[in-house]
Amino acid sequence: LSGRVAVVTGASGALGGAMATGLAAAGASVGVLARNRERIDRRVAEI
């Protein structure tokens, strides 16, 4: 998925977060979309 851009809603949760991380590992740039900024930032930092 290199060069692609993915947006994942609910990406601060357990399943959505795993999917966002998996997409990034496959080469995609990932928009981590959720309501809580603190939890979003943790997921972004992890990726």
PDB file of all heavy atoms in Angstrom:
ATOM      1  N   LEU A   1       0.815  -1.219   0.000  1.00  0.00           N
ATOM      2  CA  LEU A   1       0.000   0.000   0.000  1.00  0.00           C
ATOM      3  C   LEU A   1       0.846   1.265   0.000  1.00  0.00           C
ATOM      4  O   LEU A   1       0.345   2.349   0.306  1.00  0.00           O
ATOM      5  CB  LEU A   1      -0.939  -0.006   1.209  1.00  0.00           C
ATOM      6  CG  LEU A   1      -1.934  -1.172   1.281  1.00  0.00           C
ATOM      7  CD1 LEU A   1      -2.842  -1.019   2.502  1.00  0.00           C
ATOM      8  CD2 LEU A   1      -2.759  -1.292   0.007  1.00  0.00           C
ATOM      9  N   SER A   2       2.114   1.142  -0.348  1.00  0.00           N
ATOM     10  CA  SER A   2       2.987   2.316  -0.387  1.00  0.00           C
ATOM     11  C   SER A   2       2.427   3.362  -1.344  1.00  0.00           C
ATOM     12  O   SER A   2       1.969   3.035  -2.450  1.00  0.00           O
ATOM     13  CB  SER A   2       4.388   1.906  -0.846  1.00  0.00           C
ATOM     14  OG  SER A   2       4.967   1.003   0.072  1.00  0.00           O
ATOM     15  N   GLY A   3       2.456   4.604  -0.908  1.00  0.00           N
ATOM     16  CA  GLY A   3       1.959   5.699  -1.718  1.00  0.00           C
ATOM     17  C   GLY A   3       0.478   5.956  -1.588  1.00  0.00           C
ATOM     18  O   GLY A   3      -0.036   6.924  -2.149  1.00  0.00           O
ATOM     19  N   ARG A   4      -0.215   5.108  -0.848  1.00  0.00           N
ATOM     20  CA  ARG A   4      -1.654   5.305  -0.671  1.00  0.00           C
ATOM     21  C   ARG A   4      -1.934   5.985   0.665  1.00  0.00           C
ATOM     22  O   ARG A   4      -1.142   5.934   1.594  1.00  0.00           O
ATOM     23  CB  ARG A   4      -2.397   3.973  -0.748  1.00  0.00           C
ATOM     24  CG  ARG A   4      -2.097   3.244  -2.047  1.00  0.00           C
ATOM     25  CD  ARG A   4      -3.079   2.168  -2.349  1.00  0.00           C
ATOM     26  NE  ARG A   4      -2.582   1.333  -3.431  1.00  0.00           N
ATOM     27  CZ  ARG A   4      -3.329   0.531  -4.159  1.00  0.00           C
ATOM     28  NH1 ARG A   4      -4.627   0.444  -3.935  1.00  0.00           N
ATOM     29  NH2 ARG A   4      -2.799  -0.196  -5.129  1.00  0.00           N
ATOM     30  N   VAL A   5      -3.092   6.595   0.719  1.00  0.00           N
ATOM     31  CA  VAL A   5      -3.526   7.300   1.929  1.00  0.00           C
ATOM     32  C   VAL A   5      -4.814   6.650   2.420  1.00  0.00           C
ATOM     33  O   VAL A   5      -5.775   6.491   1.656  1.00  0.00           O
ATOM     34  CB  VAL A   5      -3.767   8.795   1.649  1.00  0.00           C
ATOM     35  CG1 VAL A   5      -4.303   9.489   2.899  1.00  0.00           C
ATOM     36  CG2 VAL A   5      -2.484   9.464   1.172  1.00  0.00           C
ATOM     37  N   ALA A   6      -4.820   6.271   3.687  1.00  0.00           N
ATOM     38  CA  ALA A   6      -5.991   5.630   4.293  1.00  0.00           C
ATOM     39  C   ALA A   6      -6.480   6.463   5.464  1.00  0.00           C
ATOM     40  O   ALA A   6      -5.676   6.969   6.257  1.00  0.00           O
ATOM     41  CB  ALA A   6      -5.639   4.223   4.773  1.00  0.00           C
ATOM     42  N   VAL A   7      -7.783   6.592   5.593  1.00  0.00           N
ATOM     43  CA  VAL A   7      -8.402   7.207   6.764  1.00  0.00           C
ATOM     44  C   VAL A   7      -9.172   6.117   7.491  1.00  0.00           C
ATOM     45  O   VAL A   7      -9.978   5.405   6.879  1.00  0.00           O
ATOM     46  CB  VAL A   7      -9.338   8.365   6.375  1.00  0.00           C
ATOM     47  CG1 VAL A   7     -10.117   8.862   7.601  1.00  0.00           C
ATOM     48  CG2 VAL A   7      -8.545   9.511   5.757  1.00  0.00           C
ATOM     49  N   VAL A   8      -8.920   5.989   8.782  1.00  0.00           N
ATOM     50  CA  VAL A   8      -9.575   4.970   9.601  1.00  0.00           C
ATOM     51  C   VAL A   8     -10.396   5.662  10.676  1.00  0.00           C
ATOM     52  O   VAL A   8      -9.839   6.370  11.534  1.00  0.00           O
ATOM     53  CB  VAL A   8      -8.553   4.023  10.263  1.00  0.00           C
ATOM     54  CG1 VAL A   8      -9.269   2.943  11.075  1.00  0.00           C
ATOM     55  CG2 VAL A   8      -7.650   3.385   9.208  1.00  0.00           C
ATOM     56  N   THR A   9     -11.718   5.501  10.647  1.00  0.00           N
ATOM     57  CA  THR A   9     -12.545   6.055  11.708  1.00  0.00           C
ATOM     58  C   THR A   9     -12.511   5.102  12.902  1.00  0.00           C
ATOM     59  O   THR A   9     -12.267   3.905  12.755  1.00  0.00           O
ATOM     60  CB  THR A   9     -14.001   6.255  11.253  1.00  0.00           C
ATOM     61  OG1 THR A   9     -14.663   4.984  11.160  1.00  0.00           O
ATOM     62  CG2 THR A   9     -14.067   6.968   9.905  1.00  0.00           C
ATOM     63  N   GLY A  10     -12.742   5.641  14.084  1.00  0.00           N
ATOM     64  CA  GLY A  10     -12.676   4.805  15.283  1.00  0.00           C
ATOM     65  C   GLY A  10     -11.283   4.268  15.525  1.00  0.00           C
ATOM     66  O   GLY A  10     -11.109   3.208  16.148  1.00  0.00           O
ATOM     67  N   ALA A  11     -10.261   4.988  15.052  1.00  0.00           N
ATOM     68  CA  ALA A  11      -8.893   4.480  15.075  1.00  0.00           C
ATOM     69  C   ALA A  11      -8.233   4.562  16.436  1.00  0.00           C
ATOM     70  O   ALA A  11      -7.104   4.106  16.601  1.00  0.00           O
ATOM     71  CB  ALA A  11      -8.043   5.223  14.050  1.00  0.00           C
ATOM     72  N   SER A  12      -8.931   5.120  17.428  1.00  0.00           N
ATOM     73  CA  SER A  12      -8.364   5.130  18.776  1.00  0.00           C
ATOM     74  C   SER A  12      -8.754   3.887  19.561  1.00  0.00           C
ATOM     75  O   SER A  12      -8.229   3.645  20.650  1.00  0.00           O
ATOM     76  CB  SER A  12      -8.822   6.381  19.535  1.00  0.00           C
ATOM     77  OG  SER A  12     -10.233   6.369  19.716  1.00  0.00           O
ATOM     78  N   GLY A  13      -9.676   3.076  19.036  1.00  0.00           N
ATOM     79  CA  GLY A  13     -10.121   1.872  19.719  1.00  0.00           C
ATOM     80  C   GLY A  13      -9.202   0.695  19.442  1.00  0.00           C
ATOM     81  O   GLY A  13      -8.246   0.782  18.665  1.00  0.00           O
ATOM     82  N   ALA A  14      -9.515  -0.441  20.059  1.00  0.00           N
ATOM     83  CA  ALA A  14      -8.652  -1.615  19.946  1.00  0.00           C
ATOM     84  C   ALA A  14      -8.592  -2.131  18.513  1.00  0.00           C
ATOM     85  O   ALA A  14      -7.502  -2.315  17.950  1.00  0.00           O
ATOM     86  CB  ALA A  14      -9.140  -2.707  20.891  1.00  0.00           C
ATOM     87  N   LEU A  15      -9.743  -2.385  17.896  1.00  0.00           N
ATOM     88  CA  LEU A  15      -9.738  -2.942  16.555  1.00  0.00           C
ATOM     89  C   LEU A  15      -9.368  -1.888  15.509  1.00  0.00           C
ATOM     90  O   LEU A  15      -8.560  -2.150  14.615  1.00  0.00           O
ATOM     91  CB  LEU A  15     -11.101  -3.558  16.233  1.00  0.00           C
ATOM     92  CG  LEU A  15     -11.556  -4.706  17.131  1.00  0.00           C
ATOM     93  CD1 LEU A  15     -12.834  -5.344  16.576  1.00  0.00           C
ATOM     94  CD2 LEU A  15     -10.473  -5.760  17.282  1.00  0.00           C
ATOM     95  N   GLY A  16      -9.955  -0.703  15.600  1.00  0.00           N
ATOM     96  CA  GLY A  16      -9.623   0.352  14.659  1.00  0.00           C
ATOM     97  C   GLY A  16      -8.168   0.750  14.743  1.00  0.00           C
ATOM     98  O   GLY A  16      -7.517   1.014  13.719  1.00  0.00           O
ATOM     99  N   GLY A  17      -7.632   0.764  15.956  1.00  0.00           N
ATOM    100  CA  GLY A  17      -6.224   1.099  16.129  1.00  0.00           C
ATOM    101  C   GLY A  17      -5.314   0.064  15.511  1.00  0.00           C
ATOM    102  O   GLY A  17      -4.294   0.391  14.887  1.00  0.00           O
ATOM    103  N   ALA A  18      -5.650  -1.205  15.678  1.00  0.00           N
ATOM    104  CA  ALA A  18      -4.858  -2.266  15.063  1.00  0.00           C
ATOM    105  C   ALA A  18      -4.881  -2.152  13.549  1.00  0.00           C
ATOM    106  O   ALA A  18      -3.870  -2.370  12.869  1.00  0.00           O
ATOM    107  CB  ALA A  18      -5.371  -3.622  15.506  1.00  0.00           C
ATOM    108  N   MET A  19      -6.039  -1.801  12.999  1.00  0.00           N
ATOM    109  CA  MET A  19      -6.147  -1.654  11.552  1.00  0.00           C
ATOM    110  C   MET A  19      -5.309  -0.477  11.059  1.00  0.00           C
ATOM    111  O   MET A  19      -4.631  -0.576  10.024  1.00  0.00           O
ATOM    112  CB  MET A  19      -7.604  -1.470  11.158  1.00  0.00           C
ATOM    113  CG  MET A  19      -8.464  -2.697  11.409  1.00  0.00           C
ATOM    114  SD  MET A  19     -10.185  -2.409  10.917  1.00  0.00           S
ATOM    115  CE  MET A  19     -11.007  -3.631  11.913  1.00  0.00           C
ATOM    116  N   ALA A  20      -5.362   0.638  11.769  1.00  0.00           N
ATOM    117  CA  ALA A  20      -4.555   1.794  11.383  1.00  0.00           C
ATOM    118  C   ALA A  20      -3.072   1.443  11.405  1.00  0.00           C
ATOM    119  O   ALA A  20      -2.321   1.788  10.480  1.00  0.00           O
ATOM    120  CB  ALA A  20      -4.845   2.963  12.322  1.00  0.00           C
ATOM    121  N   THR A  21      -2.642   0.739  12.438  1.00  0.00           N
ATOM    122  CA  THR A  21      -1.245   0.335  12.551  1.00  0.00           C
ATOM    123  C   THR A  21      -0.863  -0.626  11.433  1.00  0.00           C
ATOM    124  O   THR A  21       0.224  -0.524  10.846  1.00  0.00           O
ATOM    125  CB  THR A  21      -0.997  -0.316  13.924  1.00  0.00           C
ATOM    126  OG1 THR A  21      -1.337   0.623  14.956  1.00  0.00           O
ATOM    127  CG2 THR A  21       0.453  -0.740  14.081  1.00  0.00           C
ATOM    128  N   GLY A  22      -1.758  -1.564  11.113  1.00  0.00           N
ATOM    129  CA  GLY A  22      -1.484  -2.518  10.044  1.00  0.00           C
ATOM    130  C   GLY A  22      -1.377  -1.862   8.684  1.00  0.00           C
ATOM    131  O   GLY A  22      -0.519  -2.220   7.870  1.00  0.00           O
ATOM    132  N   LEU A  23      -2.238  -0.890   8.409  1.00  0.00           N
ATOM    133  CA  LEU A  23      -2.176  -0.172   7.142  1.00  0.00           C
ATOM    134  C   LEU A  23      -0.869   0.602   7.013  1.00  0.00           C
ATOM    135  O   LEU A  23      -0.250   0.628   5.943  1.00  0.00           O
ATOM    136  CB  LEU A  23      -3.365   0.783   7.031  1.00  0.00           C
ATOM    137  CG  LEU A  23      -4.732   0.134   6.809  1.00  0.00           C
ATOM    138  CD1 LEU A  23      -5.849   1.136   7.062  1.00  0.00           C
ATOM    139  CD2 LEU A  23      -4.845  -0.426   5.394  1.00  0.00           C
ATOM    140  N   ALA A  24      -0.445   1.225   8.114  1.00  0.00           N
ATOM    141  CA  ALA A  24       0.821   1.961   8.098  1.00  0.00           C
ATOM    142  C   ALA A  24       1.996   1.022   7.864  1.00  0.00           C
ATOM    143  O   ALA A  24       2.926   1.336   7.116  1.00  0.00           O
ATOM    144  CB  ALA A  24       0.991   2.728   9.407  1.00  0.00           C
ATOM    145  N   ALA A  25       1.957  -0.157   8.482  1.00  0.00           N
ATOM    146  CA  ALA A  25       3.039  -1.131   8.297  1.00  0.00           C
ATOM    147  C   ALA A  25       3.123  -1.609   6.856  1.00  0.00           C
ATOM    148  O   ALA A  25       4.193  -2.014   6.385  1.00  0.00           O
ATOM    149  CB  ALA A  25       2.840  -2.315   9.237  1.00  0.00           C
ATOM    150  N   ALA A  26       1.977  -1.573   6.142  1.00  0.00           N
ATOM    151  CA  ALA A  26       1.954  -1.987   4.735  1.00  0.00           C
ATOM    152  C   ALA A  26       2.343  -0.848   3.798  1.00  0.00           C
ATOM    153  O   ALA A  26       2.315  -1.019   2.582  1.00  0.00           O
ATOM    154  CB  ALA A  26       0.572  -2.508   4.369  1.00  0.00           C
ATOM    155  N   GLY A  27       2.682   0.312   4.358  1.00  0.00           N
ATOM    156  CA  GLY A  27       3.179   1.418   3.558  1.00  0.00           C
ATOM    157  C   GLY A  27       2.247   2.583   3.375  1.00  0.00           C
ATOM    158  O   GLY A  27       2.633   3.604   2.788  1.00  0.00           O
ATOM    159  N   ALA A  28       1.015   2.472   3.846  1.00  0.00           N
ATOM    160  CA  ALA A  28       0.061   3.570   3.668  1.00  0.00           C
ATOM    161  C   ALA A  28       0.318   4.697   4.658  1.00  0.00           C
ATOM    162  O   ALA A  28       0.765   4.459   5.793  1.00  0.00           O
ATOM    163  CB  ALA A  28      -1.364   3.056   3.833  1.00  0.00           C
ATOM    164  N   SER A  29       0.036   5.916   4.240  1.00  0.00           N
ATOM    165  CA  SER A  29      -0.076   7.038   5.170  1.00  0.00           C
ATOM    166  C   SER A  29      -1.471   6.975   5.764  1.00  0.00           C
ATOM    167  O   SER A  29      -2.439   6.758   5.043  1.00  0.00           O
ATOM    168  CB  SER A  29       0.137   8.369   4.453  1.00  0.00           C
ATOM    169  OG  SER A  29       1.438   8.434   3.888  1.00  0.00           O
ATOM    170  N   VAL A  30      -1.577   7.183   7.082  1.00  0.00           N
ATOM    171  CA  VAL A  30      -2.843   6.896   7.755  1.00  0.00           C
ATOM    172  C   VAL A  30      -3.363   8.117   8.503  1.00  0.00           C
ATOM    173  O   VAL A  30      -2.671   8.712   9.336  1.00  0.00           O
ATOM    174  CB  VAL A  30      -2.681   5.723   8.750  1.00  0.00           C
ATOM    175  CG1 VAL A  30      -4.010   5.436   9.441  1.00  0.00           C
ATOM    176  CG2 VAL A  30      -2.193   4.470   8.023  1.00  0.00           C
ATOM    177  N   GLY A  31      -4.620   8.455   8.198  1.00  0.00           N
ATOM    178  CA  GLY A  31      -5.332   9.450   8.980  1.00  0.00           C
ATOM    179  C   GLY A  31      -6.055   8.756  10.119  1.00  0.00           C
ATOM    180  O   GLY A  31      -6.940   7.933   9.885  1.00  0.00           O
ATOM    181  N   VAL A  32      -5.640   9.054  11.337  1.00  0.00           N
ATOM    182  CA  VAL A  32      -6.190   8.428  12.537  1.00  0.00           C
ATOM    183  C   VAL A  32      -7.358   9.286  13.006  1.00  0.00           C
ATOM    184  O   VAL A  32      -7.167  10.335  13.623  1.00  0.00           O
ATOM    185  CB  VAL A  32      -5.115   8.306  13.633  1.00  0.00           C
ATOM    186  CG1 VAL A  32      -5.698   7.723  14.913  1.00  0.00           C
ATOM    187  CG2 VAL A  32      -3.952   7.434  13.138  1.00  0.00           C
ATOM    188  N   LEU A  33      -8.579   8.861  12.705  1.00  0.00           N
ATOM    189  CA  LEU A  33      -9.762   9.675  12.975  1.00  0.00           C
ATOM    190  C   LEU A  33     -10.534   9.122  14.166  1.00  0.00           C
ATOM    191  O   LEU A  33     -10.898   7.943  14.196  1.00  0.00           O
ATOM    192  CB  LEU A  33     -10.657   9.728  11.733  1.00  0.00           C
ATOM    193  CG  LEU A  33     -11.806  10.728  11.759  1.00  0.00           C
ATOM    194  CD1 LEU A  33     -12.127  11.209  10.330  1.00  0.00           C
ATOM    195  CD2 LEU A  33     -13.075  10.167  12.399  1.00  0.00           C
ATOM    196  N   ALA A  34     -10.777   9.980  15.133  1.00  0.00           N
ATOM    197  CA  ALA A  34     -11.562   9.632  16.314  1.00  0.00           C
ATOM    198  C   ALA A  34     -11.970  10.936  16.989  1.00  0.00           C
ATOM    199  O   ALA A  34     -11.675  12.030  16.506  1.00  0.00           O
ATOM    200  CB  ALA A  34     -10.760   8.740  17.262  1.00  0.00           C
ATOM    201  N   ARG A  35     -12.655  10.827  18.140  1.00  0.00           N
ATOM    202  CA  ARG A  35     -13.149  12.028  18.824  1.00  0.00           C
ATOM    203  C   ARG A  35     -12.175  12.569  19.848  1.00  0.00           C
ATOM    204  O   ARG A  35     -12.158  13.769  20.122  1.00  0.00           O
ATOM    205  CB  ARG A  35     -14.483  11.718  19.501  1.00  0.00           C
ATOM    206  CG  ARG A  35     -15.623  11.436  18.542  1.00  0.00           C
ATOM    207  CD  ARG A  35     -16.896  11.101  19.277  1.00  0.00           C
ATOM    208  NE  ARG A  35     -16.772   9.895  20.099  1.00  0.00           N
ATOM    209  CZ  ARG A  35     -17.717   9.403  20.872  1.00  0.00           C
ATOM    210  NH1 ARG A  35     -18.887  10.048  20.967  1.00  0.00           N
ATOM    211  NH2 ARG A  35     -17.531   8.301  21.555  1.00  0.00           N
ATOM    212  N   ASN A  36     -11.386  11.703  20.463  1.00  0.00           N
ATOM    213  CA  ASN A  36     -10.548  12.088  21.598  1.00  0.00           C
ATOM    214  C   ASN A  36      -9.118  12.379  21.151  1.00  0.00           C
ATOM    215  O   ASN A  36      -8.404  11.479  20.711  1.00  0.00           O
ATOM    216  CB  ASN A  36     -10.567  10.962  22.643  1.00  0.00           C
ATOM    217  CG  ASN A  36      -9.828  11.336  23.911  1.00  0.00           C
ATOM    218  OD1 ASN A  36      -8.609  11.396  23.925  1.00  0.00           O
ATOM    219  ND2 ASN A  36     -10.570  11.583  24.975  1.00  0.00           N
ATOM    220  N   ARG A  37      -8.702  13.638  21.262  1.00  0.00           N
ATOM    221  CA  ARG A  37      -7.388  14.051  20.786  1.00  0.00           C
ATOM    222  C   ARG A  37      -6.255  13.312  21.496  1.00  0.00           C
ATOM    223  O   ARG A  37      -5.275  12.890  20.867  1.00  0.00           O
ATOM    224  CB  ARG A  37      -7.227  15.559  20.962  1.00  0.00           C
ATOM    225  CG  ARG A  37      -5.812  16.077  20.744  1.00  0.00           C
ATOM    226  CD  ARG A  37      -5.243  15.744  19.363  1.00  0.00           C
ATOM    227  NE  ARG A  37      -5.820  16.564  18.321  1.00  0.00           N
ATOM    228  CZ  ARG A  37      -5.467  16.453  17.036  1.00  0.00           C
ATOM    229  NH1 ARG A  37      -4.584  15.550  16.653  1.00  0.00           N
ATOM    230  NH2 ARG A  37      -6.040  17.226  16.129  1.00  0.00           N
ATOM    231  N   GLU A  38      -6.379  13.123  22.788  1.00  0.00           N
ATOM    232  CA  GLU A  38      -5.310  12.460  23.532  1.00  0.00           C
ATOM    233  C   GLU A  38      -5.096  11.032  23.037  1.00  0.00           C
ATOM    234  O   GLU A  38      -3.962  10.588  22.821  1.00  0.00           O
ATOM    235  CB  GLU A  38      -5.629  12.466  25.026  1.00  0.00           C
ATOM    236  CG  GLU A  38      -4.542  11.849  25.888  1.00  0.00           C
ATOM    237  CD  GLU A  38      -4.876  11.889  27.371  1.00  0.00           C
ATOM    238  OE1 GLU A  38      -5.858  12.573  27.746  1.00  0.00           O
ATOM    239  OE2 GLU A  38      -4.164  11.240  28.154  1.00  0.00           O
ATOM    240  N   ARG A  39      -6.187  10.318  22.835  1.00  0.00           N
ATOM    241  CA  ARG A  39      -6.071   8.934  22.369  1.00  0.00           C
ATOM    242  C   ARG A  39      -5.588   8.882  20.922  1.00  0.00           C
ATOM    243  O   ARG A  39      -4.846   7.969  20.527  1.00  0.00           O
ATOM    244  CB  ARG A  39      -7.410   8.228  22.515  1.00  0.00           C
ATOM    245  CG  ARG A  39      -7.874   8.111  23.962  1.00  0.00           C
ATOM    246  CD  ARG A  39      -9.180   7.370  24.087  1.00  0.00           C
ATOM    247  NE  ARG A  39      -9.048   5.978  23.689  1.00  0.00           N
ATOM    248  CZ  ARG A  39     -10.061   5.113  23.683  1.00  0.00           C
ATOM    249  NH1 ARG A  39     -11.279   5.518  24.026  1.00  0.00           N
ATOM    250  NH2 ARG A  39      -9.868   3.872  23.319  1.00  0.00           N
ATOM    251  N   ILE A  40      -6.006   9.839  20.123  1.00  0.00           N
ATOM    252  CA  ILE A  40      -5.515   9.936  18.747  1.00  0.00           C
ATOM    253  C   ILE A  40      -4.008  10.116  18.744  1.00  0.00           C
ATOM    254  O   ILE A  40      -3.273   9.435  18.012  1.00  0.00           O
ATOM    255  CB  ILE A  40      -6.194  11.110  18.017  1.00  0.00           C
ATOM    256  CG1 ILE A  40      -7.664  10.802  17.754  1.00  0.00           C
ATOM    257  CG2 ILE A  40      -5.471  11.418  16.701  1.00  0.00           C
ATOM    258  CD1 ILE A  40      -8.441  11.994  17.227  1.00  0.00           C
ATOM    259  N   ASP A  41      -3.526  11.047  19.556  1.00  0.00           N
ATOM    260  CA  ASP A  41      -2.093  11.345  19.589  1.00  0.00           C
ATOM    261  C   ASP A  41      -1.284  10.131  20.011  1.00  0.00           C
ATOM    262  O   ASP A  41      -0.168   9.907  19.500  1.00  0.00           O
ATOM    263  CB  ASP A  41      -1.819  12.519  20.532  1.00  0.00           C
ATOM    264  CG  ASP A  41      -2.321  13.845  19.979  1.00  0.00           C
ATOM    265  OD1 ASP A  41      -2.619  13.906  18.762  1.00  0.00           O
ATOM    266  OD2 ASP A  41      -2.434  14.815  20.755  1.00  0.00           O
ATOM    267  N   ARG A  42      -1.810   9.338  20.926  1.00  0.00           N
ATOM    268  CA  ARG A  42      -1.100   8.124  21.342  1.00  0.00           C
ATOM    269  C   ARG A  42      -0.979   7.149  20.180  1.00  0.00           C
ATOM    270  O   ARG A  42       0.059   6.519  19.970  1.00  0.00           O
ATOM    271  CB  ARG A  42      -1.804   7.462  22.532  1.00  0.00           C
ATOM    272  CG  ARG A  42      -1.619   8.184  23.854  1.00  0.00           C
ATOM    273  CD  ARG A  42      -1.879   7.258  25.029  1.00  0.00           C
ATOM    274  NE  ARG A  42      -3.242   6.763  25.060  1.00  0.00           N
ATOM    275  CZ  ARG A  42      -4.240   7.344  25.736  1.00  0.00           C
ATOM    276  NH1 ARG A  42      -4.008   8.451  26.430  1.00  0.00           N
ATOM    277  NH2 ARG A  42      -5.457   6.832  25.730  1.00  0.00           N
ATOM    278  N   ARG A  43      -2.053   7.002  19.405  1.00  0.00           N
ATOM    279  CA  ARG A  43      -2.017   6.088  18.275  1.00  0.00           C
ATOM    280  C   ARG A  43      -1.069   6.586  17.195  1.00  0.00           C
ATOM    281  O   ARG A  43      -0.306   5.800  16.606  1.00  0.00           O
ATOM    282  CB  ARG A  43      -3.423   5.911  17.697  1.00  0.00           C
ATOM    283  CG  ARG A  43      -3.519   4.903  16.584  1.00  0.00           C
ATOM    284  CD  ARG A  43      -3.193   3.496  17.048  1.00  0.00           C
ATOM    285  NE  ARG A  43      -4.159   3.032  18.038  1.00  0.00           N
ATOM    286  CZ  ARG A  43      -4.080   1.878  18.681  1.00  0.00           C
ATOM    287  NH1 ARG A  43      -3.055   1.073  18.436  1.00  0.00           N
ATOM    288  NH2 ARG A  43      -4.996   1.538  19.578  1.00  0.00           N
ATOM    289  N   VAL A  44      -1.110   7.882  16.913  1.00  0.00           N
ATOM    290  CA  VAL A  44      -0.202   8.457  15.919  1.00  0.00           C
ATOM    291  C   VAL A  44       1.245   8.237  16.337  1.00  0.00           C
ATOM    292  O   VAL A  44       2.096   7.836  15.520  1.00  0.00           O
ATOM    293  CB  VAL A  44      -0.503   9.956  15.719  1.00  0.00           C
ATOM    294  CG1 VAL A  44       0.605  10.620  14.902  1.00  0.00           C
ATOM    295  CG2 VAL A  44      -1.849  10.148  15.033  1.00  0.00           C
ATOM    296  N   ALA A  45       1.541   8.479  17.611  1.00  0.00           N
ATOM    297  CA  ALA A  45       2.912   8.300  18.105  1.00  0.00           C
ATOM    298  C   ALA A  45       3.358   6.851  17.978  1.00  0.00           C
ATOM    299  O   ALA A  45       4.513   6.566  17.622  1.00  0.00           O
ATOM    300  CB  ALA A  45       3.007   8.757  19.561  1.00  0.00           C
ATOM    301  N   GLU A  46       2.456   5.931  18.254  1.00  0.00           N
ATOM    302  CA  GLU A  46       2.775   4.505  18.126  1.00  0.00           C
ATOM    303  C   GLU A  46       3.121   4.148  16.684  1.00  0.00           C
ATOM    304  O   GLU A  46       4.089   3.413  16.424  1.00  0.00           O
ATOM    305  CB  GLU A  46       1.597   3.665  18.605  1.00  0.00           C
ATOM    306  CG  GLU A  46       1.772   2.171  18.447  1.00  0.00           C
ATOM    307  CD  GLU A  46       0.518   1.400  18.820  1.00  0.00           C
ATOM    308  OE1 GLU A  46      -0.174   1.802  19.770  1.00  0.00           O
ATOM    309  OE2 GLU A  46       0.223   0.394  18.133  1.00  0.00           O
ATOM    310  N   ILE A  47       2.338   4.654  15.750  1.00  0.00           N
ATOM    311  CA  ILE A  47       2.601   4.379  14.335  1.00  0.00           C
ATOM    312  C   ILE A  47       3.924   4.992  13.907  1.00  0.00           C
ATOM    313  O   ILE A  47       4.729   4.361  13.197  1.00  0.00           O
ATOM    314  CB  ILE A  47       1.439   4.904  13.472  1.00  0.00           C
ATOM    315  CG1 ILE A  47       0.173   4.061  13.717  1.00  0.00           C
ATOM    316  CG2 ILE A  47       1.812   4.893  11.985  1.00  0.00           C
ATOM    317  CD1 ILE A  47      -1.073   4.618  13.069  1.00  0.00           C
TER     318      ILE A  47
END
